[in-house]
Amino acid sequence: MVTTLGKKAKDTFAVLSLLGLLAVGTSISSVKADNLPDQSAIQTAVSPSEHSVLARRFEEAAKEMQVKADKQKILLEHYENKSYLYGKRAQDLQSHTSALIRMYEKGARLYMKEAIAHCQMSQSVNLPGKHRSDAHCTLP
């Protein structure tokens, strides 16, 4: 009876652990800044002002991702300094947090590249009656 109960407890724990990992995996894969434009808005942007707006949105998204990365860096430092509080899970928490940092920083770099590209497009689009000075893009 004891071995059966122990086996059931182990099976239950294994199932709950897998469900927890699945939940964490879906939350990681769905990380996206909320204020990003949809794909159709990006593809149909033609005027300098539209590209400037897209550049600002991508810049804001990059900043949001960098803020998230910075928060995870603080958490990682805590996990490294206080690993004794987390026992066997300490190394898992550290590696998971490091992966989140890499993901957020990669996202920030990609969003900033998009912002710079749209900023350049806003400055190079020449429509009749429009001049380069009409585009108000402040990115490098």
Protein backbone atom coordinates (compact mmCIF):
# COMPACT_ATOMS: atom_id res chain seq x y z
CA MET A 1 0.00 0.00 0.00
CA VAL A 2 2.82 2.38 0.84
CA THR A 3 4.55 1.87 -2.50
CA THR A 4 1.29 2.40 -4.40
CA LEU A 5 0.61 5.64 -2.56
CA GLY A 6 4.19 6.75 -3.14
CA LYS A 7 3.92 5.94 -6.85
CA LYS A 8 0.64 7.87 -7.14
CA ALA A 9 2.17 10.86 -5.41
CA LYS A 10 5.18 10.75 -7.74
CA ASP A 11 2.94 10.48 -10.81
CA THR A 12 0.78 13.37 -9.61
CA PHE A 13 3.85 15.47 -8.94
CA ALA A 14 5.28 14.67 -12.37
CA VAL A 15 2.03 15.65 -14.12
CA LEU A 16 1.76 18.90 -12.17
CA SER A 17 5.40 19.70 -12.91
CA LEU A 18 4.88 19.17 -16.63
CA LEU A 19 1.79 21.38 -16.59
CA GLY A 20 3.77 24.07 -14.81
CA LEU A 21 6.56 23.86 -17.40
CA LEU A 22 4.03 24.09 -20.21
CA ALA A 23 2.48 27.17 -18.62
CA VAL A 24 5.88 28.83 -18.28
CA GLY A 25 6.80 27.90 -21.85
CA THR A 26 3.67 29.46 -23.30
CA SER A 27 4.14 32.65 -21.33
CA ILE A 28 7.73 32.95 -22.56
CA SER A 29 6.85 32.33 -26.20
CA SER A 30 4.05 34.89 -26.14
CA VAL A 31 6.23 37.76 -24.93
CA LYS A 32 5.50 40.75 -27.13
CA ALA A 33 5.16 44.43 -26.47
CA ASP A 34 1.53 45.52 -26.36
CA ASN A 35 1.90 48.74 -28.30
CA LEU A 36 3.35 47.26 -31.50
CA PRO A 37 1.51 47.85 -34.75
CA ASP A 38 0.07 44.94 -36.67
CA GLN A 39 1.79 43.64 -39.79
CA SER A 40 -0.61 45.39 -42.18
CA ALA A 41 0.17 48.80 -40.66
CA ILE A 42 3.87 48.17 -41.14
CA GLN A 43 3.49 47.08 -44.75
CA THR A 44 1.20 49.95 -45.77
CA ALA A 45 3.23 52.79 -44.24
CA VAL A 46 4.19 55.18 -47.03
CA SER A 47 4.38 58.70 -45.66
CA PRO A 48 7.21 60.02 -43.51
CA SER A 49 4.84 60.67 -40.62
CA GLU A 50 3.61 57.05 -40.70
CA HIS A 51 7.19 55.79 -40.60
CA SER A 52 7.96 58.18 -37.74
CA VAL A 53 5.03 56.82 -35.76
CA LEU A 54 6.17 53.26 -36.40
CA ALA A 55 9.72 54.19 -35.39
CA ARG A 56 8.47 55.63 -32.08
CA ARG A 57 6.36 52.54 -31.40
CA PHE A 58 9.26 50.20 -32.05
CA GLU A 59 11.54 52.36 -29.91
CA GLU A 60 9.04 52.20 -27.04
CA ALA A 61 8.79 48.44 -27.45
CA ALA A 62 12.58 48.17 -27.33
CA LYS A 63 12.66 50.21 -24.13
CA GLU A 64 9.97 47.99 -22.57
CA MET A 65 11.96 44.88 -23.42
CA GLN A 66 15.13 46.40 -21.96
CA VAL A 67 13.28 47.29 -18.73
CA LYS A 68 12.10 43.66 -18.49
CA ALA A 69 15.67 42.45 -19.06
CA ASP A 70 16.95 44.78 -16.35
CA LYS A 71 14.38 43.44 -13.88
CA GLN A 72 15.44 39.89 -14.68
CA LYS A 73 19.10 40.85 -14.16
CA ILE A 74 18.25 42.03 -10.65
CA LEU A 75 16.39 38.78 -10.03
CA LEU A 76 19.33 36.75 -11.37
CA GLU A 77 21.70 38.57 -9.04
CA HIS A 78 19.38 37.71 -6.15
CA TYR A 79 19.30 34.04 -7.19
CA GLU A 80 23.10 33.99 -7.40
CA ASN A 81 23.67 35.74 -4.08
CA LYS A 82 20.98 33.84 -2.16
CA SER A 83 21.09 30.47 -3.88
CA TYR A 84 21.05 28.73 -0.49
CA LEU A 85 17.43 29.88 -0.10
CA TYR A 86 16.30 27.90 -3.13
CA GLY A 87 18.09 24.62 -2.59
CA LYS A 88 18.14 22.32 -5.61
CA ARG A 89 16.03 24.75 -7.65
CA ALA A 90 18.63 27.53 -7.47
CA GLN A 91 20.52 26.46 -10.59
CA ASP A 92 17.27 25.98 -12.54
CA LEU A 93 16.06 29.43 -11.53
CA GLN A 94 19.38 30.98 -12.51
CA SER A 95 19.44 29.34 -15.94
CA HIS A 96 15.78 30.17 -16.59
CA THR A 97 16.33 33.79 -15.62
CA SER A 98 19.45 33.97 -17.80
CA ALA A 99 17.42 32.66 -20.74
CA LEU A 100 14.76 35.32 -20.13
CA ILE A 101 17.44 38.02 -20.05
CA ARG A 102 18.84 36.83 -23.39
CA MET A 103 15.35 36.70 -24.91
CA TYR A 104 14.38 40.19 -23.72
CA GLU A 105 17.68 41.69 -24.86
CA LYS A 106 17.36 40.04 -28.26
CA GLY A 107 13.84 41.43 -28.56
CA ALA A 108 15.06 44.89 -27.60
CA ARG A 109 17.79 44.75 -30.26
CA LEU A 110 15.33 43.60 -32.94
CA TYR A 111 12.79 46.29 -32.06
CA MET A 112 15.49 48.95 -32.08
CA LYS A 113 16.66 47.80 -35.53
CA GLU A 114 13.08 48.15 -36.76
CA ALA A 115 12.83 51.59 -35.18
CA ILE A 116 16.02 52.74 -36.87
CA ALA A 117 14.88 51.33 -40.21
CA HIS A 118 11.54 53.16 -40.02
CA CYS A 119 13.29 56.34 -38.91
CA GLN A 120 15.54 56.15 -41.95
CA MET A 121 12.53 55.48 -44.17
CA SER A 122 10.74 58.49 -42.73
CA GLN A 123 13.71 60.65 -43.62
CA SER A 124 14.25 59.25 -47.11
CA VAL A 125 10.66 59.13 -48.39
CA ASN A 126 10.17 61.99 -50.81
CA LEU A 127 6.57 62.67 -51.69
CA PRO A 128 5.45 65.62 -53.82
CA GLY A 129 5.30 68.72 -51.63
CA LYS A 130 7.15 67.00 -48.76
CA HIS A 131 10.65 67.73 -47.63
CA ARG A 132 13.05 65.79 -45.45
CA SER A 133 12.53 68.31 -42.66
CA ASP A 134 8.87 67.20 -42.38
CA ALA A 135 9.92 63.91 -40.78
CA HIS A 136 10.37 64.24 -37.03
CA CYS A 137 12.45 61.22 -36.16
CA THR A 138 14.93 61.48 -33.30
CA LEU A 139 16.58 58.07 -33.47
CA PRO A 140 20.28 57.77 -34.41
